[in-house]
PDB file of N, CA and C in Angstrom:
ATOM      1  N   UNK A   1       1.097  -1.457   0.167  1.00  0.00           N
ATOM      2  CA  UNK A   1      -0.012   0.087  -0.117  1.00  0.00           C
ATOM      3  C   UNK A   1       0.728   1.305   0.214  1.00  0.00           C
ATOM      4  N   UNK A   2       0.625   1.888  -0.835  1.00  0.00           N
ATOM      5  CA  UNK A   2       1.252   3.300  -0.968  1.00  0.00           C
ATOM      6  C   UNK A   2       1.219   4.304   0.842  1.00  0.00           C
ATOM      7  N   UNK A   3       2.209   4.856   0.882  1.00  0.00           N
ATOM      8  CA  UNK A   3       2.169   5.744   2.129  1.00  0.00           C
ATOM      9  C   UNK A   3       0.989   6.941   2.266  1.00  0.00           C
ATOM     10  N   UNK A   4       0.135   6.741   3.168  1.00  0.00           N
ATOM     11  CA  UNK A   4      -0.774   7.589   3.415  1.00  0.00           C
ATOM     12  C   UNK A   4      -0.329   9.059   4.041  1.00  0.00           C
ATOM     13  N   UNK A   5      -0.774  10.115   3.365  1.00  0.00           N
ATOM     14  CA  UNK A   5      -0.048  11.310   3.800  1.00  0.00           C
ATOM     15  C   UNK A   5      -1.132  12.095   4.719  1.00  0.00           C
ATOM     16  N   UNK A   6      -2.345  11.674   4.245  1.00  0.00           N
ATOM     17  CA  UNK A   6      -3.507  12.504   5.129  1.00  0.00           C
ATOM     18  C   UNK A   6      -5.001  11.666   5.027  1.00  0.00           C
ATOM     19  N   UNK A   7      -5.511  11.681   6.231  1.00  0.00           N
ATOM     20  CA  UNK A   7      -6.855  10.868   6.426  1.00  0.00           C
ATOM     21  C   UNK A   7      -7.676  12.089   7.141  1.00  0.00           C
ATOM     22  N   UNK A   8      -8.976  11.734   6.160  1.00  0.00           N
ATOM     23  CA  UNK A   8     -10.078  12.438   6.718  1.00  0.00           C
ATOM     24  C   UNK A   8     -11.005  11.464   7.919  1.00  0.00           C
ATOM     25  N   UNK A   9     -11.639  11.720   8.470  1.00  0.00           N
ATOM     26  CA  UNK A   9     -12.396  11.130   9.650  1.00  0.00           C
ATOM     27  C   UNK A   9     -13.761  11.835   9.752  1.00  0.00           C
ATOM     28  N   UNK A  10     -14.777  10.891   9.654  1.00  0.00           N
ATOM     29  CA  UNK A  10     -16.107  11.475  10.181  1.00  0.00           C
ATOM     30  C   UNK A  10     -16.690  10.464  11.076  1.00  0.00           C
ATOM     31  N   UNK A  11     -16.705  11.222  12.253  1.00  0.00           N
ATOM     32  CA  UNK A  11     -17.014  10.599  13.695  1.00  0.00           C
ATOM     33  C   UNK A  11     -18.614  10.371  13.609  1.00  0.00           C
ATOM     34  N   UNK A  12     -18.956   9.510  14.409  1.00  0.00           N
ATOM     35  CA  UNK A  12     -20.559   9.369  14.899  1.00  0.00           C
ATOM     36  C   UNK A  12     -20.238   8.624  16.321  1.00  0.00           C
ATOM     37  N   UNK A  13     -21.674   8.249  16.585  1.00  0.00           N
ATOM     38  CA  UNK A  13     -21.874   7.814  18.083  1.00  0.00           C
ATOM     39  C   UNK A  13     -21.041   6.245  17.999  1.00  0.00           C
ATOM     40  N   UNK A  14     -21.218   5.626  17.053  1.00  0.00           N
ATOM     41  CA  UNK A  14     -20.893   4.170  16.857  1.00  0.00           C
ATOM     42  C   UNK A  14     -19.287   3.952  16.065  1.00  0.00           C
ATOM     43  N   UNK A  15     -19.598   4.661  14.834  1.00  0.00           N
ATOM     44  CA  UNK A  15     -18.784   4.180  13.795  1.00  0.00           C
ATOM     45  C   UNK A  15     -18.020   5.317  13.093  1.00  0.00           C
ATOM     46  N   UNK A  16     -16.682   5.231  12.883  1.00  0.00           N
ATOM     47  CA  UNK A  16     -15.911   6.342  12.335  1.00  0.00           C
ATOM     48  C   UNK A  16     -15.393   5.762  11.162  1.00  0.00           C
ATOM     49  N   UNK A  17     -15.712   6.657   9.764  1.00  0.00           N
ATOM     50  CA  UNK A  17     -15.566   6.497   8.249  1.00  0.00           C
ATOM     51  C   UNK A  17     -14.275   7.002   8.116  1.00  0.00           C
ATOM     52  N   UNK A  18     -12.996   6.419   7.776  1.00  0.00           N
ATOM     53  CA  UNK A  18     -11.892   6.979   7.342  1.00  0.00           C
ATOM     54  C   UNK A  18     -11.608   6.992   5.808  1.00  0.00           C
ATOM     55  N   UNK A  19     -10.871   7.780   5.513  1.00  0.00           N
ATOM     56  CA  UNK A  19     -10.635   8.021   3.979  1.00  0.00           C
ATOM     57  C   UNK A  19      -9.242   8.704   4.162  1.00  0.00           C
ATOM     58  N   UNK A  20      -8.219   8.033   3.449  1.00  0.00           N
ATOM     59  CA  UNK A  20      -6.735   8.323   3.256  1.00  0.00           C
ATOM     60  C   UNK A  20      -6.318   8.137   1.915  1.00  0.00           C
ATOM     61  N   UNK A  21      -5.616   9.311   1.499  1.00  0.00           N
ATOM     62  CA  UNK A  21      -4.826   9.329   0.422  1.00  0.00           C
ATOM     63  C   UNK A  21      -3.352   9.595   0.188  1.00  0.00           C
ATOM     64  N   UNK A  22      -2.877   9.344  -0.836  1.00  0.00           N
ATOM     65  CA  UNK A  22      -1.435   9.157  -0.699  1.00  0.00           C
ATOM     66  C   UNK A  22      -0.786  10.461  -1.159  1.00  0.00           C
ATOM     67  N   UNK A  23       0.379  10.634  -1.725  1.00  0.00           N
ATOM     68  CA  UNK A  23       0.895  12.336  -2.079  1.00  0.00           C
ATOM     69  C   UNK A  23       0.151  12.260  -3.583  1.00  0.00           C
ATOM     70  N   UNK A  24       0.071  11.561  -4.245  1.00  0.00           N
ATOM     71  CA  UNK A  24      -0.553  11.756  -5.609  1.00  0.00           C
ATOM     72  C   UNK A  24      -2.226  11.986  -5.372  1.00  0.00           C
ATOM     73  N   UNK A  25      -2.635  12.078  -4.415  1.00  0.00           N
ATOM     74  CA  UNK A  25      -4.023  12.179  -3.822  1.00  0.00           C
ATOM     75  C   UNK A  25      -4.950  10.877  -4.221  1.00  0.00           C
ATOM     76  N   UNK A  26      -4.189   9.860  -4.586  1.00  0.00           N
ATOM     77  CA  UNK A  26      -5.159   8.594  -4.927  1.00  0.00           C
ATOM     78  C   UNK A  26      -5.435   8.221  -3.499  1.00  0.00           C
ATOM     79  N   UNK A  27      -6.717   7.749  -3.681  1.00  0.00           N
ATOM     80  CA  UNK A  27      -7.406   6.728  -2.173  1.00  0.00           C
ATOM     81  C   UNK A  27      -6.540   5.725  -2.138  1.00  0.00           C
ATOM     82  N   UNK A  28      -6.077   5.646  -1.002  1.00  0.00           N
ATOM     83  CA  UNK A  28      -5.512   4.144  -0.673  1.00  0.00           C
ATOM     84  C   UNK A  28      -6.141   3.702   0.711  1.00  0.00           C
ATOM     85  N   UNK A  29      -6.991   4.625   1.369  1.00  0.00           N
ATOM     86  CA  UNK A  29      -7.750   3.909   2.658  1.00  0.00           C
ATOM     87  C   UNK A  29      -9.113   4.290   2.371  1.00  0.00           C
ATOM     88  N   UNK A  30      -9.916   3.389   2.697  1.00  0.00           N
ATOM     89  CA  UNK A  30     -11.311   3.603   2.766  1.00  0.00           C
ATOM     90  C   UNK A  30     -11.677   2.445   4.063  1.00  0.00           C
ATOM     91  N   UNK A  31     -12.032   3.082   4.722  1.00  0.00           N
ATOM     92  CA  UNK A  31     -12.672   1.990   6.352  1.00  0.00           C
ATOM     93  C   UNK A  31     -13.251   2.600   7.296  1.00  0.00           C
ATOM     94  N   UNK A  32     -13.956   1.444   7.759  1.00  0.00           N
ATOM     95  CA  UNK A  32     -15.068   2.185   9.087  1.00  0.00           C
ATOM     96  C   UNK A  32     -14.557   1.296  10.338  1.00  0.00           C
ATOM     97  N   UNK A  33     -14.529   1.957  11.508  1.00  0.00           N
ATOM     98  CA  UNK A  33     -14.120   1.532  12.422  1.00  0.00           C
ATOM     99  C   UNK A  33     -15.029   1.877  13.830  1.00  0.00           C
ATOM    100  N   UNK A  34     -14.938   0.802  14.685  1.00  0.00           N
ATOM    101  CA  UNK A  34     -15.703   1.138  16.103  1.00  0.00           C
ATOM    102  C   UNK A  34     -14.959   2.499  16.761  1.00  0.00           C
ATOM    103  N   UNK A  35     -15.390   2.726  17.687  1.00  0.00           N
ATOM    104  CA  UNK A  35     -14.914   3.580  18.647  1.00  0.00           C
ATOM    105  C   UNK A  35     -13.704   3.056  18.996  1.00  0.00           C
ATOM    106  N   UNK A  36     -13.727   1.619  19.853  1.00  0.00           N
ATOM    107  CA  UNK A  36     -12.945   1.086  20.413  1.00  0.00           C
ATOM    108  C   UNK A  36     -11.605   0.792  19.585  1.00  0.00           C
ATOM    109  N   UNK A  37     -11.822   0.640  18.082  1.00  0.00           N
ATOM    110  CA  UNK A  37     -10.984   0.235  17.371  1.00  0.00           C
ATOM    111  C   UNK A  37      -9.790   1.440  16.717  1.00  0.00           C
ATOM    112  N   UNK A  38     -10.527   2.685  17.115  1.00  0.00           N
ATOM    113  CA  UNK A  38      -9.698   3.874  16.649  1.00  0.00           C
ATOM    114  C   UNK A  38      -8.320   4.107  16.803  1.00  0.00           C
ATOM    115  N   UNK A  39      -8.209   4.435  18.030  1.00  0.00           N
ATOM    116  CA  UNK A  39      -6.845   4.495  18.733  1.00  0.00           C
ATOM    117  C   UNK A  39      -6.051   3.547  18.540  1.00  0.00           C
ATOM    118  N   UNK A  40      -6.390   1.990  18.523  1.00  0.00           N
ATOM    119  CA  UNK A  40      -5.448   1.054  18.160  1.00  0.00           C
ATOM    120  C   UNK A  40      -5.021   1.149  16.570  1.00  0.00           C
ATOM    121  N   UNK A  41      -5.834   1.440  15.872  1.00  0.00           N
ATOM    122  CA  UNK A  41      -5.627   1.534  14.690  1.00  0.00           C
ATOM    123  C   UNK A  41      -4.448   2.535  14.096  1.00  0.00           C
ATOM    124  N   UNK A  42      -4.618   3.832  14.700  1.00  0.00           N
ATOM    125  CA  UNK A  42      -3.811   4.948  14.691  1.00  0.00           C
ATOM    126  C   UNK A  42      -2.590   4.908  15.146  1.00  0.00           C
ATOM    127  N   UNK A  43      -2.546   3.928  16.361  1.00  0.00           N
ATOM    128  CA  UNK A  43      -1.156   3.761  17.044  1.00  0.00           C
ATOM    129  C   UNK A  43      -0.230   2.726  15.910  1.00  0.00           C
ATOM    130  N   UNK A  44      -0.643   2.354  15.302  1.00  0.00           N
ATOM    131  CA  UNK A  44      -0.133   1.402  14.299  1.00  0.00           C
ATOM    132  C   UNK A  44       0.543   2.177  13.131  1.00  0.00           C
ATOM    133  N   UNK A  45       0.126   3.341  12.908  1.00  0.00           N
ATOM    134  CA  UNK A  45       0.435   4.213  11.502  1.00  0.00           C
ATOM    135  C   UNK A  45       1.422   5.142  11.857  1.00  0.00           C
ATOM    136  N   UNK A  46       2.459   5.586  11.006  1.00  0.00           N
ATOM    137  CA  UNK A  46       3.246   6.545  11.033  1.00  0.00           C
ATOM    138  C   UNK A  46       2.566   7.884  11.435  1.00  0.00           C
ATOM    139  N   UNK A  47       3.241   8.921  11.925  1.00  0.00           N
ATOM    140  CA  UNK A  47       2.543  10.109  11.890  1.00  0.00           C
ATOM    141  C   UNK A  47       2.053  10.915  10.701  1.00  0.00           C
ATOM    142  N   UNK A  48       0.762  11.161  10.606  1.00  0.00           N
ATOM    143  CA  UNK A  48      -0.014  11.491   9.425  1.00  0.00           C
ATOM    144  C   UNK A  48      -0.801  12.850   9.741  1.00  0.00           C
ATOM    145  N   UNK A  49      -1.349  13.404   8.618  1.00  0.00           N
ATOM    146  CA  UNK A  49      -2.020  14.644   8.919  1.00  0.00           C
ATOM    147  C   UNK A  49      -3.768  13.994   9.221  1.00  0.00           C
ATOM    148  N   UNK A  50      -4.339  14.291   9.790  1.00  0.00           N
ATOM    149  CA  UNK A  50      -5.876  13.828   9.944  1.00  0.00           C
ATOM    150  C   UNK A  50      -6.777  14.936  10.129  1.00  0.00           C
ATOM    151  N   UNK A  51      -7.996  14.992   9.400  1.00  0.00           N
ATOM    152  CA  UNK A  51      -8.669  16.163   9.279  1.00  0.00           C
ATOM    153  C   UNK A  51     -10.196  15.334   9.853  1.00  0.00           C
ATOM    154  N   UNK A  52     -11.014  16.214  10.623  1.00  0.00           N
ATOM    155  CA  UNK A  52     -12.219  15.954  10.862  1.00  0.00           C
ATOM    156  C   UNK A  52     -13.113  17.336  11.214  1.00  0.00           C
ATOM    157  N   UNK A  53     -14.406  17.052  11.047  1.00  0.00           N
ATOM    158  CA  UNK A  53     -15.093  17.964  11.502  1.00  0.00           C
ATOM    159  C   UNK A  53     -15.187  18.522  12.576  1.00  0.00           C
ATOM    160  N   UNK A  54     -15.105  19.443  13.027  1.00  0.00           N
ATOM    161  CA  UNK A  54     -15.356  20.202  14.459  1.00  0.00           C
ATOM    162  C   UNK A  54     -16.739  19.666  15.103  1.00  0.00           C
ATOM    163  N   UNK A  55     -16.886  18.994  16.055  1.00  0.00           N
ATOM    164  CA  UNK A  55     -18.034  18.789  16.759  1.00  0.00           C
ATOM    165  C   UNK A  55     -17.960  18.645  18.238  1.00  0.00           C
ATOM    166  N   UNK A  56     -18.651  18.048  19.007  1.00  0.00           N
ATOM    167  CA  UNK A  56     -19.013  17.905  20.388  1.00  0.00           C
ATOM    168  C   UNK A  56     -17.719  16.921  21.007  1.00  0.00           C
ATOM    169  N   UNK A  57     -17.549  15.865  19.945  1.00  0.00           N
ATOM    170  CA  UNK A  57     -16.407  15.041  20.555  1.00  0.00           C
ATOM    171  C   UNK A  57     -15.293  15.502  20.053  1.00  0.00           C
ATOM    172  N   UNK A  58     -14.933  16.004  18.875  1.00  0.00           N
ATOM    173  CA  UNK A  58     -13.650  16.170  17.929  1.00  0.00           C
ATOM    174  C   UNK A  58     -12.682  16.309  18.766  1.00  0.00           C
ATOM    175  N   UNK A  59     -12.724  17.328  19.823  1.00  0.00           N
ATOM    176  CA  UNK A  59     -11.615  17.879  20.824  1.00  0.00           C
ATOM    177  C   UNK A  59     -11.162  16.637  21.232  1.00  0.00           C
ATOM    178  N   UNK A  60     -12.048  15.813  22.012  1.00  0.00           N
ATOM    179  CA  UNK A  60     -11.217  14.528  22.767  1.00  0.00           C
ATOM    180  C   UNK A  60     -10.657  14.049  21.649  1.00  0.00           C
ATOM    181  N   UNK A  61     -10.930  13.331  20.394  1.00  0.00           N
ATOM    182  CA  UNK A  61     -10.266  12.724  19.753  1.00  0.00           C
ATOM    183  C   UNK A  61      -9.310  13.429  19.028  1.00  0.00           C
ATOM    184  N   UNK A  62      -9.126  14.731  19.121  1.00  0.00           N
ATOM    185  CA  UNK A  62      -8.011  15.283  18.400  1.00  0.00           C
ATOM    186  C   UNK A  62      -6.957  15.284  19.240  1.00  0.00           C
ATOM    187  N   UNK A  63      -7.011  15.461  20.742  1.00  0.00           N
ATOM    188  CA  UNK A  63      -6.053  15.133  21.642  1.00  0.00           C
ATOM    189  C   UNK A  63      -5.378  13.899  21.647  1.00  0.00           C
ATOM    190  N   UNK A  64      -6.369  12.821  21.742  1.00  0.00           N
ATOM    191  CA  UNK A  64      -5.899  11.620  21.965  1.00  0.00           C
ATOM    192  C   UNK A  64      -4.810  10.979  20.547  1.00  0.00           C
ATOM    193  N   UNK A  65      -5.358  11.534  19.288  1.00  0.00           N
ATOM    194  CA  UNK A  65      -4.572  11.343  18.147  1.00  0.00           C
ATOM    195  C   UNK A  65      -3.316  11.838  17.958  1.00  0.00           C
ATOM    196  N   UNK A  66      -3.321  13.286  18.825  1.00  0.00           N
ATOM    197  CA  UNK A  66      -1.865  14.072  18.691  1.00  0.00           C
ATOM    198  C   UNK A  66      -1.087  13.405  19.648  1.00  0.00           C
ATOM    199  N   UNK A  67      -1.529  12.924  20.994  1.00  0.00           N
ATOM    200  CA  UNK A  67      -0.831  12.066  21.861  1.00  0.00           C
ATOM    201  C   UNK A  67       0.075  11.004  20.971  1.00  0.00           C
ATOM    202  N   UNK A  68      -0.576  10.280  19.896  1.00  0.00           N
ATOM    203  CA  UNK A  68       0.036   9.257  19.036  1.00  0.00           C
ATOM    204  C   UNK A  68       1.043   9.733  18.182  1.00  0.00           C
ATOM    205  N   UNK A  69       1.002  11.049  17.961  1.00  0.00           N
ATOM    206  CA  UNK A  69       2.067  11.898  17.241  1.00  0.00           C
ATOM    207  C   UNK A  69       1.506  12.387  15.983  1.00  0.00           C
ATOM    208  N   UNK A  70       0.164  12.204  15.485  1.00  0.00           N
ATOM    209  CA  UNK A  70      -0.456  12.867  14.188  1.00  0.00           C
ATOM    210  C   UNK A  70      -0.711  14.244  14.482  1.00  0.00           C
ATOM    211  N   UNK A  71      -0.756  14.568  13.678  1.00  0.00           N
ATOM    212  CA  UNK A  71      -1.042  16.191  13.440  1.00  0.00           C
ATOM    213  C   UNK A  71      -2.586  16.213  12.856  1.00  0.00           C
ATOM    214  N   UNK A  72      -3.418  16.801  13.783  1.00  0.00           N
ATOM    215  CA  UNK A  72      -4.794  17.086  13.975  1.00  0.00           C
ATOM    216  C   UNK A  72      -5.440  18.198  13.410  1.00  0.00           C
ATOM    217  N   UNK A  73      -6.103  18.379  12.275  1.00  0.00           N
ATOM    218  CA  UNK A  73      -6.979  19.750  11.896  1.00  0.00           C
ATOM    219  C   UNK A  73      -8.249  19.309  12.012  1.00  0.00           C
ATOM    220  N   UNK A  74      -8.937  20.477  12.931  1.00  0.00           N
ATOM    221  CA  UNK A  74     -10.506  20.526  12.823  1.00  0.00           C
ATOM    222  C   UNK A  74     -10.958  21.490  11.791  1.00  0.00           C
ATOM    223  N   UNK A  75     -11.904  21.059  11.394  1.00  0.00           N
ATOM    224  CA  UNK A  75     -12.740  22.030  10.398  1.00  0.00           C
ATOM    225  C   UNK A  75     -14.044  22.159  10.628  1.00  0.00           C
ATOM    226  N   UNK A  76     -14.538  23.568  10.591  1.00  0.00           N
ATOM    227  CA  UNK A  76     -16.021  23.928  10.635  1.00  0.00           C
ATOM    228  C   UNK A  76     -16.614  23.227   9.515  1.00  0.00           C
ATOM    229  N   UNK A  77     -17.903  22.589   9.825  1.00  0.00           N
ATOM    230  CA  UNK A  77     -18.744  21.727   9.060  1.00  0.00           C
ATOM    231  C   UNK A  77     -18.940  22.428   7.628  1.00  0.00           C
ATOM    232  N   UNK A  78     -19.202  23.771   7.786  1.00  0.00           N
ATOM    233  CA  UNK A  78     -19.337  24.457   6.460  1.00  0.00           C
ATOM    234  C   UNK A  78     -18.214  24.281   5.367  1.00  0.00           C
ATOM    235  N   UNK A  79     -17.180  23.744   5.863  1.00  0.00           N
ATOM    236  CA  UNK A  79     -15.674  23.977   5.078  1.00  0.00           C
ATOM    237  C   UNK A  79     -15.633  22.919   4.278  1.00  0.00           C
ATOM    238  N   UNK A  80     -16.594  21.860   4.403  1.00  0.00           N
ATOM    239  CA  UNK A  80     -16.401  20.420   3.710  1.00  0.00           C
ATOM    240  C   UNK A  80     -16.585  20.802   2.442  1.00  0.00           C
ATOM    241  N   UNK A  81     -15.979  20.090   1.355  1.00  0.00           N
ATOM    242  CA  UNK A  81     -15.928  20.314   0.130  1.00  0.00           C
ATOM    243  C   UNK A  81     -17.984  20.212  -0.470  1.00  0.00           C
ATOM    244  N   UNK A  82     -18.146  21.162  -1.334  1.00  0.00           N
ATOM    245  CA  UNK A  82     -19.265  21.481  -1.629  1.00  0.00           C
ATOM    246  C   UNK A  82     -20.029  20.002  -2.469  1.00  0.00           C
ATOM    247  N   UNK A  83     -19.416  19.288  -2.920  1.00  0.00           N
ATOM    248  CA  UNK A  83     -19.966  18.279  -3.625  1.00  0.00           C
ATOM    249  C   UNK A  83     -20.002  17.070  -2.794  1.00  0.00           C
ATOM    250  N   UNK A  84     -19.384  17.320  -1.612  1.00  0.00           N
ATOM    251  CA  UNK A  84     -19.650  16.196  -0.734  1.00  0.00           C
ATOM    252  C   UNK A  84     -20.951  16.349   0.116  1.00  0.00           C
ATOM    253  N   UNK A  85     -21.414  17.520   0.074  1.00  0.00           N
ATOM    254  CA  UNK A  85     -22.455  17.902   0.736  1.00  0.00           C
ATOM    255  C   UNK A  85     -24.176  17.522  -0.076  1.00  0.00           C
ATOM    256  N   UNK A  86     -23.820  17.384  -1.227  1.00  0.00           N
ATOM    257  CA  UNK A  86     -24.943  16.925  -2.249  1.00  0.00           C
ATOM    258  C   UNK A  86     -25.410  15.516  -1.573  1.00  0.00           C
ATOM    259  N   UNK A  87     -24.906  14.902  -1.731  1.00  0.00           N
ATOM    260  CA  UNK A  87     -25.017  13.442  -1.194  1.00  0.00           C
ATOM    261  C   UNK A  87     -24.419  12.771  -0.086  1.00  0.00           C
ATOM    262  N   UNK A  88     -24.946  13.500   1.159  1.00  0.00           N
ATOM    263  CA  UNK A  88     -24.045  13.383   2.491  1.00  0.00           C
ATOM    264  C   UNK A  88     -24.480  11.990   2.917  1.00  0.00           C
ATOM    265  N   UNK A  89     -23.057  11.377   3.399  1.00  0.00           N
ATOM    266  CA  UNK A  89     -23.139  10.157   4.099  1.00  0.00           C
ATOM    267  C   UNK A  89     -21.712  10.223   4.643  1.00  0.00           C
ATOM    268  N   UNK A  90     -21.710   9.331   5.930  1.00  0.00           N
ATOM    269  CA  UNK A  90     -20.379   9.131   6.598  1.00  0.00           C
ATOM    270  C   UNK A  90     -18.943   9.195   5.653  1.00  0.00           C
ATOM    271  N   UNK A  91     -18.925   8.213   4.488  1.00  0.00           N
ATOM    272  CA  UNK A  91     -17.874   8.112   3.580  1.00  0.00           C
ATOM    273  C   UNK A  91     -17.522   9.354   3.066  1.00  0.00           C
ATOM    274  N   UNK A  92     -18.535  10.080   2.723  1.00  0.00           N
ATOM    275  CA  UNK A  92     -18.146  11.366   1.776  1.00  0.00           C
ATOM    276  C   UNK A  92     -17.824  12.440   2.692  1.00  0.00           C
ATOM    277  N   UNK A  93     -18.508  12.454   3.996  1.00  0.00           N
ATOM    278  CA  UNK A  93     -17.840  13.314   5.225  1.00  0.00           C
ATOM    279  C   UNK A  93     -16.441  13.129   5.145  1.00  0.00           C
ATOM    280  N   UNK A  94     -15.994  12.127   5.546  1.00  0.00           N
ATOM    281  CA  UNK A  94     -14.592  11.724   5.755  1.00  0.00           C
ATOM    282  C   UNK A  94     -13.566  12.245   4.568  1.00  0.00           C
ATOM    283  N   UNK A  95     -13.855  11.755   3.427  1.00  0.00           N
ATOM    284  CA  UNK A  95     -13.387  12.126   2.101  1.00  0.00           C
ATOM    285  C   UNK A  95     -13.244  13.830   2.022  1.00  0.00           C
ATOM    286  N   UNK A  96     -14.415  14.331   2.597  1.00  0.00           N
ATOM    287  CA  UNK A  96     -14.180  15.852   2.313  1.00  0.00           C
ATOM    288  C   UNK A  96     -13.013  16.694   3.101  1.00  0.00           C
TER     289      UNK A  96
END
């Protein structure tokens, strides 16, 4: 698998949708994880940039992922790519 340089995460109550790209912006990761699996999964990855929508729990996840060496960027929901908003779902939110 190509090296992942950026991962988008869409958080929800039970399942997190992940979307990762390589340096050529090619999709190299599409995955769904339960809350219990998130930190274990990211602990195995080399440090990368992680983006997620700012929401109630995002501060907690940003702190935990930062402790693992990742650079976390929180984004206002309005900044998600417009095409993602047309057919909204967890996978598309993670891609945005």
